[in-house]
Amino acid sequence: MQSTSEIRKKIHEYREDADERILRIFNVIIDAEEKNPDLASSDYPQVPDYVYDKIKEERGKYLNGELKTSSWEEIKERLMKKL
């Protein structure tokens, strides 16, 4: 597992190029932390293993080119055509 300082550095570097979705996720996390500053990490809701398994499976499909992905612009264009 990475040290706290390594994680901080990684997040700091990543946020420079992060898209809006990631920035919103960070914002929600920060808001939750500010609302519950004394919450111990053991009190956090735990993510079930099957969720991690599914993420790993979907990531593998993405990396192998088995999943079709679209940019926001492509999605917006398709939706605008349907109007």
PDB file of N, CA and C in Angstrom:
ATOM      1  N   MET A   1       0.842  -1.182   0.000  1.00  0.00           N
ATOM      2  CA  MET A   1       0.000   0.000   0.000  1.00  0.00           C
ATOM      3  C   MET A   1       0.886   1.244   0.000  1.00  0.00           C
ATOM      4  N   GLN A   2       0.435   2.259  -0.695  1.00  0.00           N
ATOM      5  CA  GLN A   2       1.204   3.490  -0.790  1.00  0.00           C
ATOM      6  C   GLN A   2       1.124   4.281   0.512  1.00  0.00           C
ATOM      7  N   SER A   3       2.158   5.052   0.765  1.00  0.00           N
ATOM      8  CA  SER A   3       2.145   5.922   1.939  1.00  0.00           C
ATOM      9  C   SER A   3       1.222   7.105   1.675  1.00  0.00           C
ATOM     10  N   THR A   4       0.840   7.776   2.747  1.00  0.00           N
ATOM     11  CA  THR A   4      -0.031   8.942   2.624  1.00  0.00           C
ATOM     12  C   THR A   4       0.613  10.004   1.745  1.00  0.00           C
ATOM     13  N   SER A   5       1.895  10.231   1.912  1.00  0.00           N
ATOM     14  CA  SER A   5       2.566  11.259   1.103  1.00  0.00           C
ATOM     15  C   SER A   5       2.594  10.874  -0.376  1.00  0.00           C
ATOM     16  N   GLU A   6       2.749   9.580  -0.669  1.00  0.00           N
ATOM     17  CA  GLU A   6       2.718   9.130  -2.067  1.00  0.00           C
ATOM     18  C   GLU A   6       1.329   9.329  -2.669  1.00  0.00           C
ATOM     19  N   ILE A   7       0.312   9.039  -1.880  1.00  0.00           N
ATOM     20  CA  ILE A   7      -1.067   9.222  -2.355  1.00  0.00           C
ATOM     21  C   ILE A   7      -1.339  10.701  -2.598  1.00  0.00           C
ATOM     22  N   ARG A   8      -0.924  11.551  -1.664  1.00  0.00           N
ATOM     23  CA  ARG A   8      -1.116  13.000  -1.832  1.00  0.00           C
ATOM     24  C   ARG A   8      -0.447  13.488  -3.119  1.00  0.00           C
ATOM     25  N   LYS A   9       0.781  13.047  -3.340  1.00  0.00           N
ATOM     26  CA  LYS A   9       1.516  13.460  -4.535  1.00  0.00           C
ATOM     27  C   LYS A   9       0.794  12.986  -5.796  1.00  0.00           C
ATOM     28  N   LYS A  10       0.335  11.748  -5.782  1.00  0.00           N
ATOM     29  CA  LYS A  10      -0.354  11.179  -6.941  1.00  0.00           C
ATOM     30  C   LYS A  10      -1.639  11.953  -7.245  1.00  0.00           C
ATOM     31  N   ILE A  11      -2.412  12.251  -6.209  1.00  0.00           N
ATOM     32  CA  ILE A  11      -3.658  13.008  -6.398  1.00  0.00           C
ATOM     33  C   ILE A  11      -3.342  14.415  -6.890  1.00  0.00           C
ATOM     34  N   HIS A  12      -2.338  15.039  -6.302  1.00  0.00           N
ATOM     35  CA  HIS A  12      -1.958  16.391  -6.714  1.00  0.00           C
ATOM     36  C   HIS A  12      -1.589  16.420  -8.193  1.00  0.00           C
ATOM     37  N   GLU A  13      -0.801  15.462  -8.639  1.00  0.00           N
ATOM     38  CA  GLU A  13      -0.407  15.394 -10.046  1.00  0.00           C
ATOM     39  C   GLU A  13      -1.604  15.072 -10.940  1.00  0.00           C
ATOM     40  N   TYR A  14      -2.464  14.177 -10.477  1.00  0.00           N
ATOM     41  CA  TYR A  14      -3.593  13.742 -11.292  1.00  0.00           C
ATOM     42  C   TYR A  14      -4.616  14.850 -11.490  1.00  0.00           C
ATOM     43  N   ARG A  15      -4.851  15.627 -10.451  1.00  0.00           N
ATOM     44  CA  ARG A  15      -5.927  16.616 -10.530  1.00  0.00           C
ATOM     45  C   ARG A  15      -5.670  17.688 -11.580  1.00  0.00           C
ATOM     46  N   GLU A  16      -4.413  17.878 -11.973  1.00  0.00           N
ATOM     47  CA  GLU A  16      -4.096  18.854 -13.014  1.00  0.00           C
ATOM     48  C   GLU A  16      -4.753  18.484 -14.344  1.00  0.00           C
ATOM     49  N   ASP A  17      -4.912  17.191 -14.587  1.00  0.00           N
ATOM     50  CA  ASP A  17      -5.481  16.721 -15.852  1.00  0.00           C
ATOM     51  C   ASP A  17      -6.852  16.070 -15.684  1.00  0.00           C
ATOM     52  N   ALA A  18      -7.382  16.095 -14.470  1.00  0.00           N
ATOM     53  CA  ALA A  18      -8.640  15.402 -14.191  1.00  0.00           C
ATOM     54  C   ALA A  18      -9.805  16.051 -14.929  1.00  0.00           C
ATOM     55  N   ASP A  19     -10.728  15.211 -15.356  1.00  0.00           N
ATOM     56  CA  ASP A  19     -11.920  15.744 -15.993  1.00  0.00           C
ATOM     57  C   ASP A  19     -12.926  16.164 -14.919  1.00  0.00           C
ATOM     58  N   GLU A  20     -14.003  16.773 -15.349  1.00  0.00           N
ATOM     59  CA  GLU A  20     -15.001  17.309 -14.420  1.00  0.00           C
ATOM     60  C   GLU A  20     -15.576  16.223 -13.518  1.00  0.00           C
ATOM     61  N   ARG A  21     -15.789  15.047 -14.045  1.00  0.00           N
ATOM     62  CA  ARG A  21     -16.368  13.952 -13.266  1.00  0.00           C
ATOM     63  C   ARG A  21     -15.490  13.625 -12.062  1.00  0.00           C
ATOM     64  N   ILE A  22     -14.191  13.503 -12.286  1.00  0.00           N
ATOM     65  CA  ILE A  22     -13.266  13.182 -11.203  1.00  0.00           C
ATOM     66  C   ILE A  22     -13.230  14.313 -10.185  1.00  0.00           C
ATOM     67  N   LEU A  23     -13.222  15.547 -10.666  1.00  0.00           N
ATOM     68  CA  LEU A  23     -13.203  16.684  -9.742  1.00  0.00           C
ATOM     69  C   LEU A  23     -14.459  16.703  -8.875  1.00  0.00           C
ATOM     70  N   ARG A  24     -15.596  16.348  -9.456  1.00  0.00           N
ATOM     71  CA  ARG A  24     -16.839  16.291  -8.668  1.00  0.00           C
ATOM     72  C   ARG A  24     -16.765  15.180  -7.617  1.00  0.00           C
ATOM     73  N   ILE A  25     -16.154  14.060  -7.969  1.00  0.00           N
ATOM     74  CA  ILE A  25     -15.983  12.968  -7.004  1.00  0.00           C
ATOM     75  C   ILE A  25     -15.110  13.436  -5.844  1.00  0.00           C
ATOM     76  N   PHE A  26     -13.990  14.082  -6.163  1.00  0.00           N
ATOM     77  CA  PHE A  26     -13.127  14.625  -5.106  1.00  0.00           C
ATOM     78  C   PHE A  26     -13.914  15.584  -4.218  1.00  0.00           C
ATOM     79  N   ASN A  27     -14.729  16.423  -4.835  1.00  0.00           N
ATOM     80  CA  ASN A  27     -15.501  17.410  -4.081  1.00  0.00           C
ATOM     81  C   ASN A  27     -16.476  16.741  -3.115  1.00  0.00           C
ATOM     82  N   VAL A  28     -17.142  15.689  -3.552  1.00  0.00           N
ATOM     83  CA  VAL A  28     -18.072  14.963  -2.683  1.00  0.00           C
ATOM     84  C   VAL A  28     -17.321  14.340  -1.508  1.00  0.00           C
ATOM     85  N   ILE A  29     -16.163  13.784  -1.780  1.00  0.00           N
ATOM     86  CA  ILE A  29     -15.359  13.184  -0.710  1.00  0.00           C
ATOM     87  C   ILE A  29     -14.959  14.252   0.305  1.00  0.00           C
ATOM     88  N   ILE A  30     -14.504  15.392  -0.180  1.00  0.00           N
ATOM     89  CA  ILE A  30     -14.101  16.479   0.715  1.00  0.00           C
ATOM     90  C   ILE A  30     -15.286  16.954   1.540  1.00  0.00           C
ATOM     91  N   ASP A  31     -16.443  17.136   0.897  1.00  0.00           N
ATOM     92  CA  ASP A  31     -17.647  17.556   1.630  1.00  0.00           C
ATOM     93  C   ASP A  31     -18.000  16.562   2.728  1.00  0.00           C
ATOM     94  N   ALA A  32     -17.934  15.278   2.422  1.00  0.00           N
ATOM     95  CA  ALA A  32     -18.258  14.247   3.416  1.00  0.00           C
ATOM     96  C   ALA A  32     -17.279  14.291   4.580  1.00  0.00           C
ATOM     97  N   GLU A  33     -16.009  14.496   4.279  1.00  0.00           N
ATOM     98  CA  GLU A  33     -14.995  14.579   5.338  1.00  0.00           C
ATOM     99  C   GLU A  33     -15.224  15.802   6.221  1.00  0.00           C
ATOM    100  N   GLU A  34     -15.593  16.912   5.611  1.00  0.00           N
ATOM    101  CA  GLU A  34     -15.823  18.132   6.385  1.00  0.00           C
ATOM    102  C   GLU A  34     -17.048  18.007   7.283  1.00  0.00           C
ATOM    103  N   LYS A  35     -18.051  17.258   6.840  1.00  0.00           N
ATOM    104  CA  LYS A  35     -19.263  17.066   7.648  1.00  0.00           C
ATOM    105  C   LYS A  35     -19.022  16.120   8.812  1.00  0.00           C
ATOM    106  N   ASN A  36     -18.087  15.190   8.662  1.00  0.00           N
ATOM    107  CA  ASN A  36     -17.808  14.178   9.687  1.00  0.00           C
ATOM    108  C   ASN A  36     -16.306  14.097   9.963  1.00  0.00           C
ATOM    109  N   PRO A  37     -15.699  15.158  10.486  1.00  0.00           N
ATOM    110  CA  PRO A  37     -14.238  15.154  10.653  1.00  0.00           C
ATOM    111  C   PRO A  37     -13.721  14.129  11.654  1.00  0.00           C
ATOM    112  N   ASP A  38     -14.561  13.681  12.581  1.00  0.00           N
ATOM    113  CA  ASP A  38     -14.112  12.738  13.608  1.00  0.00           C
ATOM    114  C   ASP A  38     -14.430  11.287  13.268  1.00  0.00           C
ATOM    115  N   LEU A  39     -14.952  11.049  12.087  1.00  0.00           N
ATOM    116  CA  LEU A  39     -15.315   9.698  11.678  1.00  0.00           C
ATOM    117  C   LEU A  39     -14.052   8.866  11.447  1.00  0.00           C
ATOM    118  N   ALA A  40     -13.952   7.758  12.150  1.00  0.00           N
ATOM    119  CA  ALA A  40     -12.796   6.868  11.988  1.00  0.00           C
ATOM    120  C   ALA A  40     -12.940   6.074  10.694  1.00  0.00           C
ATOM    121  N   SER A  41     -11.820   5.717  10.097  1.00  0.00           N
ATOM    122  CA  SER A  41     -11.885   4.981   8.831  1.00  0.00           C
ATOM    123  C   SER A  41     -12.622   3.656   8.983  1.00  0.00           C
ATOM    124  N   SER A  42     -12.596   3.078  10.175  1.00  0.00           N
ATOM    125  CA  SER A  42     -13.321   1.822  10.402  1.00  0.00           C
ATOM    126  C   SER A  42     -14.834   2.031  10.388  1.00  0.00           C
ATOM    127  N   ASP A  43     -15.279   3.281  10.508  1.00  0.00           N
ATOM    128  CA  ASP A  43     -16.707   3.599  10.471  1.00  0.00           C
ATOM    129  C   ASP A  43     -17.219   3.825   9.053  1.00  0.00           C
ATOM    130  N   TYR A  44     -16.301   3.934   8.087  1.00  0.00           N
ATOM    131  CA  TYR A  44     -16.710   4.167   6.710  1.00  0.00           C
ATOM    132  C   TYR A  44     -17.460   2.951   6.183  1.00  0.00           C
ATOM    133  N   PRO A  45     -18.428   3.192   5.327  1.00  0.00           N
ATOM    134  CA  PRO A  45     -19.096   2.046   4.692  1.00  0.00           C
ATOM    135  C   PRO A  45     -18.075   1.248   3.879  1.00  0.00           C
ATOM    136  N   GLN A  46     -18.162  -0.054   3.948  1.00  0.00           N
ATOM    137  CA  GLN A  46     -17.225  -0.914   3.234  1.00  0.00           C
ATOM    138  C   GLN A  46     -17.808  -1.320   1.885  1.00  0.00           C
ATOM    139  N   VAL A  47     -16.981  -1.307   0.880  1.00  0.00           N
ATOM    140  CA  VAL A  47     -17.392  -1.720  -0.456  1.00  0.00           C
ATOM    141  C   VAL A  47     -17.251  -3.235  -0.535  1.00  0.00           C
ATOM    142  N   PRO A  48     -18.321  -3.923  -0.926  1.00  0.00           N
ATOM    143  CA  PRO A  48     -18.253  -5.387  -1.015  1.00  0.00           C
ATOM    144  C   PRO A  48     -17.241  -5.838  -2.076  1.00  0.00           C
ATOM    145  N   ASP A  49     -16.653  -6.998  -1.857  1.00  0.00           N
ATOM    146  CA  ASP A  49     -15.647  -7.535  -2.785  1.00  0.00           C
ATOM    147  C   ASP A  49     -16.187  -7.715  -4.196  1.00  0.00           C
ATOM    148  N   TYR A  50     -17.486  -8.054  -4.327  1.00  0.00           N
ATOM    149  CA  TYR A  50     -18.027  -8.275  -5.670  1.00  0.00           C
ATOM    150  C   TYR A  50     -17.978  -6.995  -6.505  1.00  0.00           C
ATOM    151  N   VAL A  51     -18.018  -5.841  -5.854  1.00  0.00           N
ATOM    152  CA  VAL A  51     -17.916  -4.578  -6.589  1.00  0.00           C
ATOM    153  C   VAL A  51     -16.510  -4.440  -7.172  1.00  0.00           C
ATOM    154  N   TYR A  52     -15.506  -4.736  -6.355  1.00  0.00           N
ATOM    155  CA  TYR A  52     -14.128  -4.688  -6.851  1.00  0.00           C
ATOM    156  C   TYR A  52     -13.914  -5.709  -7.965  1.00  0.00           C
ATOM    157  N   ASP A  53     -14.513  -6.889  -7.823  1.00  0.00           N
ATOM    158  CA  ASP A  53     -14.390  -7.916  -8.859  1.00  0.00           C
ATOM    159  C   ASP A  53     -14.981  -7.431 -10.175  1.00  0.00           C
ATOM    160  N   LYS A  54     -16.140  -6.786 -10.099  1.00  0.00           N
ATOM    161  CA  LYS A  54     -16.800  -6.279 -11.302  1.00  0.00           C
ATOM    162  C   LYS A  54     -15.973  -5.165 -11.943  1.00  0.00           C
ATOM    163  N   ILE A  55     -15.424  -4.291 -11.124  1.00  0.00           N
ATOM    164  CA  ILE A  55     -14.578  -3.214 -11.649  1.00  0.00           C
ATOM    165  C   ILE A  55     -13.364  -3.802 -12.364  1.00  0.00           C
ATOM    166  N   LYS A  56     -12.744  -4.791 -11.747  1.00  0.00           N
ATOM    167  CA  LYS A  56     -11.570  -5.437 -12.349  1.00  0.00           C
ATOM    168  C   LYS A  56     -11.941  -6.086 -13.685  1.00  0.00           C
ATOM    169  N   GLU A  57     -13.088  -6.747 -13.714  1.00  0.00           N
ATOM    170  CA  GLU A  57     -13.555  -7.396 -14.941  1.00  0.00           C
ATOM    171  C   GLU A  57     -13.798  -6.365 -16.045  1.00  0.00           C
ATOM    172  N   GLU A  58     -14.511  -5.292 -15.716  1.00  0.00           N
ATOM    173  CA  GLU A  58     -14.821  -4.262 -16.705  1.00  0.00           C
ATOM    174  C   GLU A  58     -13.559  -3.540 -17.172  1.00  0.00           C
ATOM    175  N   ARG A  59     -12.622  -3.319 -16.263  1.00  0.00           N
ATOM    176  CA  ARG A  59     -11.356  -2.682 -16.633  1.00  0.00           C
ATOM    177  C   ARG A  59     -10.597  -3.563 -17.625  1.00  0.00           C
ATOM    178  N   GLY A  60     -10.602  -4.863 -17.369  1.00  0.00           N
ATOM    179  CA  GLY A  60      -9.950  -5.795 -18.284  1.00  0.00           C
ATOM    180  C   GLY A  60     -10.564  -5.735 -19.670  1.00  0.00           C
ATOM    181  N   LYS A  61     -11.886  -5.684 -19.733  1.00  0.00           N
ATOM    182  CA  LYS A  61     -12.571  -5.569 -21.023  1.00  0.00           C
ATOM    183  C   LYS A  61     -12.179  -4.272 -21.725  1.00  0.00           C
ATOM    184  N   TYR A  62     -12.130  -3.193 -20.953  1.00  0.00           N
ATOM    185  CA  TYR A  62     -11.755  -1.896 -21.523  1.00  0.00           C
ATOM    186  C   TYR A  62     -10.335  -1.940 -22.078  1.00  0.00           C
ATOM    187  N   LEU A  63      -9.406  -2.477 -21.298  1.00  0.00           N
ATOM    188  CA  LEU A  63      -8.009  -2.535 -21.726  1.00  0.00           C
ATOM    189  C   LEU A  63      -7.810  -3.438 -22.936  1.00  0.00           C
ATOM    190  N   ASN A  64      -8.654  -4.464 -23.078  1.00  0.00           N
ATOM    191  CA  ASN A  64      -8.569  -5.379 -24.220  1.00  0.00           C
ATOM    192  C   ASN A  64      -9.347  -4.881 -25.432  1.00  0.00           C
ATOM    193  N   GLY A  65      -9.996  -3.722 -25.299  1.00  0.00           N
ATOM    194  CA  GLY A  65     -10.752  -3.164 -26.410  1.00  0.00           C
ATOM    195  C   GLY A  65     -12.102  -3.815 -26.620  1.00  0.00           C
ATOM    196  N   GLU A  66     -12.594  -4.545 -25.627  1.00  0.00           N
ATOM    197  CA  GLU A  66     -13.880  -5.232 -25.749  1.00  0.00           C
ATOM    198  C   GLU A  66     -15.062  -4.311 -25.451  1.00  0.00           C
ATOM    199  N   LEU A  67     -14.805  -3.165 -24.841  1.00  0.00           N
ATOM    200  CA  LEU A  67     -15.874  -2.229 -24.509  1.00  0.00           C
ATOM    201  C   LEU A  67     -15.802  -1.006 -25.411  1.00  0.00           C
ATOM    202  N   LYS A  68     -16.956  -0.572 -25.877  1.00  0.00           N
ATOM    203  CA  LYS A  68     -17.018   0.659 -26.659  1.00  0.00           C
ATOM    204  C   LYS A  68     -17.161   1.805 -25.679  1.00  0.00           C
ATOM    205  N   THR A  69     -16.282   2.769 -25.779  1.00  0.00           N
ATOM    206  CA  THR A  69     -16.378   3.956 -24.942  1.00  0.00           C
ATOM    207  C   THR A  69     -16.577   5.166 -25.830  1.00  0.00           C
ATOM    208  N   SER A  70     -17.110   6.221 -25.244  1.00  0.00           N
ATOM    209  CA  SER A  70     -17.374   7.442 -25.990  1.00  0.00           C
ATOM    210  C   SER A  70     -16.959   8.643 -25.165  1.00  0.00           C
ATOM    211  N   SER A  71     -16.508   9.662 -25.848  1.00  0.00           N
ATOM    212  CA  SER A  71     -16.205  10.918 -25.166  1.00  0.00           C
ATOM    213  C   SER A  71     -17.525  11.634 -24.898  1.00  0.00           C
ATOM    214  N   TRP A  72     -17.475  12.620 -24.034  1.00  0.00           N
ATOM    215  CA  TRP A  72     -18.675  13.400 -23.741  1.00  0.00           C
ATOM    216  C   TRP A  72     -19.197  14.045 -25.024  1.00  0.00           C
ATOM    217  N   GLU A  73     -18.306  14.538 -25.859  1.00  0.00           N
ATOM    218  CA  GLU A  73     -18.730  15.179 -27.100  1.00  0.00           C
ATOM    219  C   GLU A  73     -19.464  14.194 -28.011  1.00  0.00           C
ATOM    220  N   GLU A  74     -18.991  12.962 -28.102  1.00  0.00           N
ATOM    221  CA  GLU A  74     -19.657  11.943 -28.923  1.00  0.00           C
ATOM    222  C   GLU A  74     -21.042  11.622 -28.372  1.00  0.00           C
ATOM    223  N   ILE A  75     -21.146  11.514 -27.077  1.00  0.00           N
ATOM    224  CA  ILE A  75     -22.438  11.229 -26.443  1.00  0.00           C
ATOM    225  C   ILE A  75     -23.403  12.375 -26.687  1.00  0.00           C
ATOM    226  N   LYS A  76     -22.923  13.592 -26.479  1.00  0.00           N
ATOM    227  CA  LYS A  76     -23.771  14.765 -26.672  1.00  0.00           C
ATOM    228  C   LYS A  76     -24.259  14.845 -28.114  1.00  0.00           C
ATOM    229  N   GLU A  77     -23.374  14.563 -29.058  1.00  0.00           N
ATOM    230  CA  GLU A  77     -23.738  14.599 -30.471  1.00  0.00           C
ATOM    231  C   GLU A  77     -24.832  13.570 -30.779  1.00  0.00           C
ATOM    232  N   ARG A  78     -24.686  12.356 -30.258  1.00  0.00           N
ATOM    233  CA  ARG A  78     -25.712  11.325 -30.488  1.00  0.00           C
ATOM    234  C   ARG A  78     -27.049  11.742 -29.888  1.00  0.00           C
ATOM    235  N   LEU A  79     -27.015  12.303 -28.694  1.00  0.00           N
ATOM    236  CA  LEU A  79     -28.259  12.720 -28.046  1.00  0.00           C
ATOM    237  C   LEU A  79     -28.918  13.878 -28.787  1.00  0.00           C
ATOM    238  N   MET A  80     -28.123  14.807 -29.267  1.00  0.00           N
ATOM    239  CA  MET A  80     -28.679  15.952 -29.995  1.00  0.00           C
ATOM    240  C   MET A  80     -29.355  15.501 -31.287  1.00  0.00           C
ATOM    241  N   LYS A  81     -28.834  14.446 -31.918  1.00  0.00           N
ATOM    242  CA  LYS A  81     -29.446  13.923 -33.141  1.00  0.00           C
ATOM    243  C   LYS A  81     -30.817  13.324 -32.865  1.00  0.00           C
ATOM    244  N   LYS A  82     -31.020  12.853 -31.634  1.00  0.00           N
ATOM    245  CA  LYS A  82     -32.291  12.225 -31.281  1.00  0.00           C
ATOM    246  C   LYS A  82     -33.381  13.244 -30.963  1.00  0.00           C
ATOM    247  N   LEU A  83     -33.008  14.494 -30.766  1.00  0.00           N
ATOM    248  CA  LEU A  83     -34.009  15.525 -30.439  1.00  0.00           C
ATOM    249  C   LEU A  83     -34.812  15.939 -31.628  1.00  0.00           C
TER     250      LEU A  83
END
